[in-house]
């Protein structure tokens, strides 16, 4: 069975969503837009994100070409993650979707206010 992330017969939106699906990847993408981060710094900025889940998400994002993992040869080892050009392209493409999401939230808030 081919995972839909690698299936050439799905639509482009489905292929893009497959790369960012999950609870944390869009948040990590957003944080990495501001520049390189060490894993511990990412965890501090995202309450509820465990080290294991962070590691899995970053490795998947690396495998998908969204982030670059750089390991510095020092003791203790220092690892830094940054967006690749492909990852920056995705972050830019998600901007209009984010705008749409905020408009949706505003509409929901307005509808709740009218109902009460």
N, C-alpha and C. Protein backbone atom coordinates (compact mmCIF):
# COMPACT_ATOMS: atom_id res chain seq x y z
N UNK A 1 0.85 -1.19 0.00
CA UNK A 1 0.00 0.00 0.00
C UNK A 1 0.89 1.25 0.00
N UNK A 2 0.59 2.19 -0.86
CA UNK A 2 1.34 3.44 -0.95
C UNK A 2 0.70 4.45 -0.01
N UNK A 3 1.51 5.06 0.85
CA UNK A 3 1.00 6.11 1.73
C UNK A 3 0.60 7.29 0.87
N UNK A 4 -0.51 7.94 1.21
CA UNK A 4 -0.99 9.02 0.35
C UNK A 4 -0.01 10.16 0.23
N UNK A 5 0.92 10.28 1.16
CA UNK A 5 1.94 11.31 1.08
C UNK A 5 2.86 11.06 -0.12
N UNK A 6 2.92 9.80 -0.55
CA UNK A 6 3.80 9.43 -1.67
C UNK A 6 3.02 8.96 -2.90
N UNK A 7 1.70 9.04 -2.85
CA UNK A 7 0.86 8.56 -3.94
C UNK A 7 0.72 9.64 -5.00
N UNK A 8 1.22 9.41 -6.22
CA UNK A 8 1.14 10.42 -7.28
C UNK A 8 -0.27 10.60 -7.83
N UNK A 9 -1.22 9.73 -7.44
CA UNK A 9 -2.57 9.79 -7.99
C UNK A 9 -3.56 10.52 -7.09
N UNK A 10 -3.07 11.35 -6.15
CA UNK A 10 -3.98 12.14 -5.33
C UNK A 10 -3.91 13.59 -5.79
N UNK A 11 -4.93 14.38 -5.43
CA UNK A 11 -4.90 15.78 -5.83
C UNK A 11 -3.83 16.53 -5.02
N UNK A 12 -3.42 17.67 -5.52
CA UNK A 12 -2.35 18.44 -4.89
C UNK A 12 -2.67 18.87 -3.47
N UNK A 13 -3.92 19.24 -3.21
CA UNK A 13 -4.31 19.66 -1.86
C UNK A 13 -4.16 18.50 -0.89
N UNK A 14 -4.61 17.32 -1.30
CA UNK A 14 -4.48 16.14 -0.45
C UNK A 14 -3.01 15.83 -0.18
N UNK A 15 -2.17 15.96 -1.20
CA UNK A 15 -0.74 15.71 -1.02
C UNK A 15 -0.12 16.71 -0.05
N UNK A 16 -0.55 17.96 -0.13
CA UNK A 16 -0.03 18.99 0.78
C UNK A 16 -0.51 18.75 2.21
N UNK A 17 -1.77 18.42 2.37
CA UNK A 17 -2.32 18.19 3.71
C UNK A 17 -1.67 16.96 4.35
N UNK A 18 -1.36 15.96 3.55
CA UNK A 18 -0.71 14.76 4.09
C UNK A 18 0.63 15.10 4.73
N UNK A 19 1.31 16.11 4.22
CA UNK A 19 2.62 16.50 4.76
C UNK A 19 2.49 17.28 6.06
N UNK A 20 1.38 17.99 6.25
CA UNK A 20 1.23 18.82 7.45
C UNK A 20 0.19 18.28 8.43
N UNK A 21 -0.38 17.10 8.12
CA UNK A 21 -1.40 16.58 9.02
C UNK A 21 -0.79 16.24 10.37
N UNK A 22 -1.63 16.26 11.36
CA UNK A 22 -1.19 16.02 12.72
C UNK A 22 -1.36 17.30 13.54
N UNK A 23 -1.26 17.14 14.83
CA UNK A 23 -1.56 18.25 15.73
C UNK A 23 -0.49 19.33 15.76
N UNK A 24 0.78 18.98 15.49
CA UNK A 24 1.86 19.92 15.77
C UNK A 24 2.61 20.46 14.57
N UNK A 25 2.49 19.84 13.42
CA UNK A 25 3.35 20.22 12.30
C UNK A 25 3.14 21.65 11.82
N UNK A 26 1.91 22.12 11.76
CA UNK A 26 1.71 23.50 11.31
C UNK A 26 2.27 24.49 12.33
N UNK A 27 2.16 24.15 13.61
CA UNK A 27 2.74 25.01 14.65
C UNK A 27 4.26 25.04 14.53
N UNK A 28 4.87 23.88 14.31
CA UNK A 28 6.33 23.82 14.15
C UNK A 28 6.77 24.58 12.90
N UNK A 29 6.03 24.43 11.83
CA UNK A 29 6.33 25.16 10.60
C UNK A 29 6.30 26.66 10.87
N UNK A 30 5.28 27.11 11.57
CA UNK A 30 5.11 28.53 11.90
C UNK A 30 6.28 29.02 12.77
N UNK A 31 6.66 28.24 13.77
CA UNK A 31 7.78 28.64 14.64
C UNK A 31 9.10 28.69 13.87
N UNK A 32 9.31 27.73 12.99
CA UNK A 32 10.57 27.68 12.24
C UNK A 32 10.66 28.76 11.17
N UNK A 33 9.53 29.38 10.84
CA UNK A 33 9.56 30.50 9.89
C UNK A 33 10.41 31.65 10.42
N UNK A 34 10.49 31.79 11.74
CA UNK A 34 11.24 32.90 12.33
C UNK A 34 12.74 32.63 12.36
N UNK A 35 13.16 31.40 12.03
CA UNK A 35 14.58 31.07 12.01
C UNK A 35 14.86 29.73 12.65
N UNK A 36 16.12 29.32 12.64
CA UNK A 36 16.51 28.02 13.20
C UNK A 36 16.20 27.93 14.70
N UNK A 37 15.84 26.73 15.13
CA UNK A 37 15.55 26.48 16.54
C UNK A 37 16.14 25.15 16.96
N UNK A 38 16.54 25.08 18.21
CA UNK A 38 16.92 23.81 18.82
C UNK A 38 15.63 23.13 19.29
N UNK A 39 15.63 21.82 19.37
CA UNK A 39 14.41 21.11 19.79
C UNK A 39 13.88 21.56 21.15
N UNK A 40 14.76 21.78 22.12
CA UNK A 40 14.30 22.21 23.44
C UNK A 40 13.58 23.56 23.38
N UNK A 41 14.06 24.45 22.53
CA UNK A 41 13.41 25.75 22.39
C UNK A 41 12.02 25.60 21.77
N UNK A 42 11.89 24.69 20.81
CA UNK A 42 10.59 24.44 20.22
C UNK A 42 9.62 23.88 21.27
N UNK A 43 10.10 22.94 22.07
CA UNK A 43 9.24 22.35 23.11
C UNK A 43 8.78 23.39 24.11
N UNK A 44 9.65 24.31 24.50
CA UNK A 44 9.26 25.34 25.46
C UNK A 44 8.17 26.25 24.91
N UNK A 45 8.15 26.43 23.61
CA UNK A 45 7.17 27.33 22.99
C UNK A 45 5.83 26.66 22.70
N UNK A 46 5.76 25.34 22.84
CA UNK A 46 4.55 24.61 22.52
C UNK A 46 4.13 23.75 23.71
N UNK A 47 3.34 24.31 24.62
CA UNK A 47 2.89 23.53 25.78
C UNK A 47 2.15 22.27 25.35
N UNK A 48 2.45 21.18 26.01
CA UNK A 48 1.77 19.92 25.71
C UNK A 48 2.49 19.05 24.69
N UNK A 49 3.51 19.58 24.06
CA UNK A 49 4.27 18.82 23.06
C UNK A 49 5.36 18.04 23.77
N UNK A 50 5.30 16.72 23.68
CA UNK A 50 6.31 15.89 24.33
C UNK A 50 7.56 15.78 23.46
N UNK A 51 8.66 15.41 24.08
CA UNK A 51 9.92 15.26 23.34
C UNK A 51 9.79 14.19 22.26
N UNK A 52 9.14 13.08 22.58
CA UNK A 52 8.99 12.00 21.62
C UNK A 52 8.17 12.44 20.41
N UNK A 53 7.04 13.09 20.65
CA UNK A 53 6.18 13.54 19.55
C UNK A 53 6.90 14.60 18.72
N UNK A 54 7.64 15.49 19.38
CA UNK A 54 8.42 16.50 18.66
C UNK A 54 9.43 15.83 17.74
N UNK A 55 10.14 14.85 18.27
CA UNK A 55 11.16 14.15 17.48
C UNK A 55 10.54 13.48 16.26
N UNK A 56 9.42 12.81 16.46
CA UNK A 56 8.74 12.13 15.34
C UNK A 56 8.29 13.15 14.29
N UNK A 57 7.67 14.25 14.75
CA UNK A 57 7.19 15.26 13.81
C UNK A 57 8.34 15.88 13.02
N UNK A 58 9.43 16.22 13.70
CA UNK A 58 10.57 16.83 13.01
C UNK A 58 11.21 15.86 12.02
N UNK A 59 11.30 14.60 12.40
CA UNK A 59 11.88 13.60 11.48
C UNK A 59 11.00 13.41 10.25
N UNK A 60 9.68 13.40 10.45
CA UNK A 60 8.77 13.29 9.30
C UNK A 60 8.89 14.51 8.41
N UNK A 61 8.98 15.68 9.02
CA UNK A 61 9.12 16.92 8.25
C UNK A 61 10.46 16.94 7.51
N UNK A 62 11.48 16.39 8.13
CA UNK A 62 12.78 16.29 7.45
C UNK A 62 12.69 15.33 6.26
N UNK A 63 12.03 14.19 6.47
CA UNK A 63 11.88 13.21 5.39
C UNK A 63 11.07 13.78 4.23
N UNK A 64 10.15 14.69 4.53
CA UNK A 64 9.33 15.32 3.50
C UNK A 64 10.00 16.53 2.87
N UNK A 65 11.22 16.85 3.31
CA UNK A 65 11.97 17.95 2.71
C UNK A 65 11.59 19.33 3.21
N UNK A 66 10.87 19.39 4.34
CA UNK A 66 10.43 20.69 4.86
C UNK A 66 11.44 21.33 5.80
N UNK A 67 12.16 20.51 6.55
CA UNK A 67 13.14 21.03 7.50
C UNK A 67 14.50 20.41 7.27
N UNK A 68 15.50 21.17 7.67
CA UNK A 68 16.89 20.71 7.61
C UNK A 68 17.36 20.50 9.05
N UNK A 69 17.97 19.37 9.29
CA UNK A 69 18.51 19.03 10.61
C UNK A 69 20.02 19.17 10.55
N UNK A 70 20.56 20.03 11.40
CA UNK A 70 22.00 20.23 11.44
C UNK A 70 22.52 19.83 12.81
N UNK A 71 23.44 18.88 12.83
CA UNK A 71 24.03 18.41 14.08
C UNK A 71 25.44 18.98 14.18
N UNK A 72 25.69 19.73 15.25
CA UNK A 72 27.01 20.30 15.49
C UNK A 72 27.83 19.32 16.32
N UNK A 73 29.07 19.14 15.93
CA UNK A 73 29.96 18.17 16.58
C UNK A 73 30.60 18.79 17.82
N UNK A 74 29.78 18.94 18.86
CA UNK A 74 30.26 19.46 20.14
C UNK A 74 29.70 18.57 21.24
N UNK A 75 30.24 18.73 22.43
CA UNK A 75 29.70 17.99 23.57
C UNK A 75 29.08 18.97 24.54
N UNK A 76 27.86 18.78 24.96
CA UNK A 76 26.92 17.79 24.44
C UNK A 76 26.50 18.13 23.01
N UNK A 77 26.03 17.12 22.28
CA UNK A 77 25.64 17.36 20.89
C UNK A 77 24.58 18.46 20.78
N UNK A 78 24.70 19.26 19.74
CA UNK A 78 23.77 20.36 19.51
C UNK A 78 23.10 20.15 18.16
N UNK A 79 21.78 20.08 18.18
CA UNK A 79 21.00 19.90 16.97
C UNK A 79 20.15 21.14 16.74
N UNK A 80 20.12 21.60 15.49
CA UNK A 80 19.34 22.78 15.14
C UNK A 80 18.50 22.44 13.91
N UNK A 81 17.23 22.84 13.96
CA UNK A 81 16.32 22.63 12.83
C UNK A 81 15.99 23.97 12.19
N UNK A 82 15.91 23.96 10.87
CA UNK A 82 15.52 25.16 10.13
C UNK A 82 14.68 24.73 8.93
N UNK A 83 13.93 25.68 8.39
CA UNK A 83 13.13 25.39 7.19
C UNK A 83 14.03 25.32 5.97
N UNK A 84 13.71 24.41 5.09
CA UNK A 84 14.35 24.37 3.77
C UNK A 84 13.61 25.36 2.88
N UNK A 85 14.10 25.57 1.69
CA UNK A 85 13.38 26.39 0.73
C UNK A 85 12.00 25.83 0.43
N UNK A 86 11.91 24.51 0.36
CA UNK A 86 10.65 23.82 0.12
C UNK A 86 9.69 24.06 1.29
N UNK A 87 10.23 24.04 2.50
CA UNK A 87 9.43 24.31 3.69
C UNK A 87 8.94 25.75 3.72
N UNK A 88 9.80 26.69 3.32
CA UNK A 88 9.39 28.10 3.26
C UNK A 88 8.29 28.29 2.20
N UNK A 89 8.42 27.57 1.08
CA UNK A 89 7.37 27.63 0.06
C UNK A 89 6.03 27.17 0.63
N UNK A 90 6.04 26.09 1.41
CA UNK A 90 4.82 25.59 2.01
C UNK A 90 4.26 26.60 3.01
N UNK A 91 5.12 27.16 3.84
CA UNK A 91 4.67 28.15 4.83
C UNK A 91 4.01 29.34 4.12
N UNK A 92 4.59 29.77 3.03
CA UNK A 92 4.03 30.88 2.26
C UNK A 92 2.68 30.49 1.65
N UNK A 93 2.59 29.27 1.16
CA UNK A 93 1.34 28.81 0.56
C UNK A 93 0.23 28.68 1.61
N UNK A 94 0.60 28.42 2.86
CA UNK A 94 -0.40 28.28 3.91
C UNK A 94 -0.93 29.62 4.40
N UNK A 95 -0.27 30.72 4.05
CA UNK A 95 -0.72 32.05 4.48
C UNK A 95 -2.17 32.33 4.15
N UNK A 96 -2.59 32.17 2.89
CA UNK A 96 -4.00 32.41 2.56
C UNK A 96 -4.95 31.46 3.29
N UNK A 97 -4.53 30.23 3.52
CA UNK A 97 -5.37 29.29 4.27
C UNK A 97 -5.53 29.76 5.71
N UNK A 98 -4.47 30.28 6.28
CA UNK A 98 -4.53 30.83 7.63
C UNK A 98 -5.49 32.02 7.69
N UNK A 99 -5.40 32.89 6.70
CA UNK A 99 -6.32 34.04 6.64
C UNK A 99 -7.77 33.57 6.57
N UNK A 100 -8.02 32.56 5.76
CA UNK A 100 -9.37 32.01 5.65
C UNK A 100 -9.81 31.45 7.00
N UNK A 101 -8.92 30.76 7.70
CA UNK A 101 -9.24 30.20 9.01
C UNK A 101 -9.62 31.28 10.01
N UNK A 102 -8.89 32.39 10.02
CA UNK A 102 -9.23 33.50 10.93
C UNK A 102 -10.60 34.10 10.59
N UNK A 103 -10.90 34.21 9.30
CA UNK A 103 -12.21 34.72 8.90
C UNK A 103 -13.32 33.77 9.37
N UNK A 104 -13.06 32.48 9.27
CA UNK A 104 -14.03 31.48 9.74
C UNK A 104 -14.25 31.62 11.24
N UNK A 105 -13.18 31.78 12.00
CA UNK A 105 -13.32 31.95 13.45
C UNK A 105 -14.13 33.20 13.79
N UNK A 106 -13.90 34.29 13.05
CA UNK A 106 -14.67 35.51 13.27
C UNK A 106 -16.15 35.28 13.00
N UNK A 107 -16.48 34.56 11.92
CA UNK A 107 -17.87 34.27 11.59
C UNK A 107 -18.52 33.43 12.69
N UNK A 108 -17.77 32.46 13.22
CA UNK A 108 -18.30 31.63 14.28
C UNK A 108 -18.56 32.44 15.54
N UNK A 109 -17.66 33.36 15.86
CA UNK A 109 -17.83 34.22 17.02
C UNK A 109 -19.04 35.12 16.86
N UNK A 110 -19.20 35.69 15.66
CA UNK A 110 -20.36 36.53 15.37
C UNK A 110 -21.65 35.73 15.49
N UNK A 111 -21.67 34.51 14.97
CA UNK A 111 -22.87 33.68 15.02
C UNK A 111 -23.23 33.32 16.47
N UNK A 112 -22.22 33.05 17.28
CA UNK A 112 -22.47 32.75 18.70
C UNK A 112 -23.02 33.96 19.42
N UNK A 113 -22.49 35.15 19.10
CA UNK A 113 -22.96 36.39 19.74
C UNK A 113 -24.40 36.67 19.36
N UNK A 114 -24.77 36.41 18.12
CA UNK A 114 -26.14 36.63 17.66
C UNK A 114 -27.11 35.65 18.30
N UNK A 115 -26.64 34.43 18.55
CA UNK A 115 -27.50 33.40 19.13
C UNK A 115 -27.77 33.64 20.61
N UNK A 116 -26.91 34.37 21.28
CA UNK A 116 -27.11 34.57 22.73
C UNK A 116 -27.83 35.84 23.07
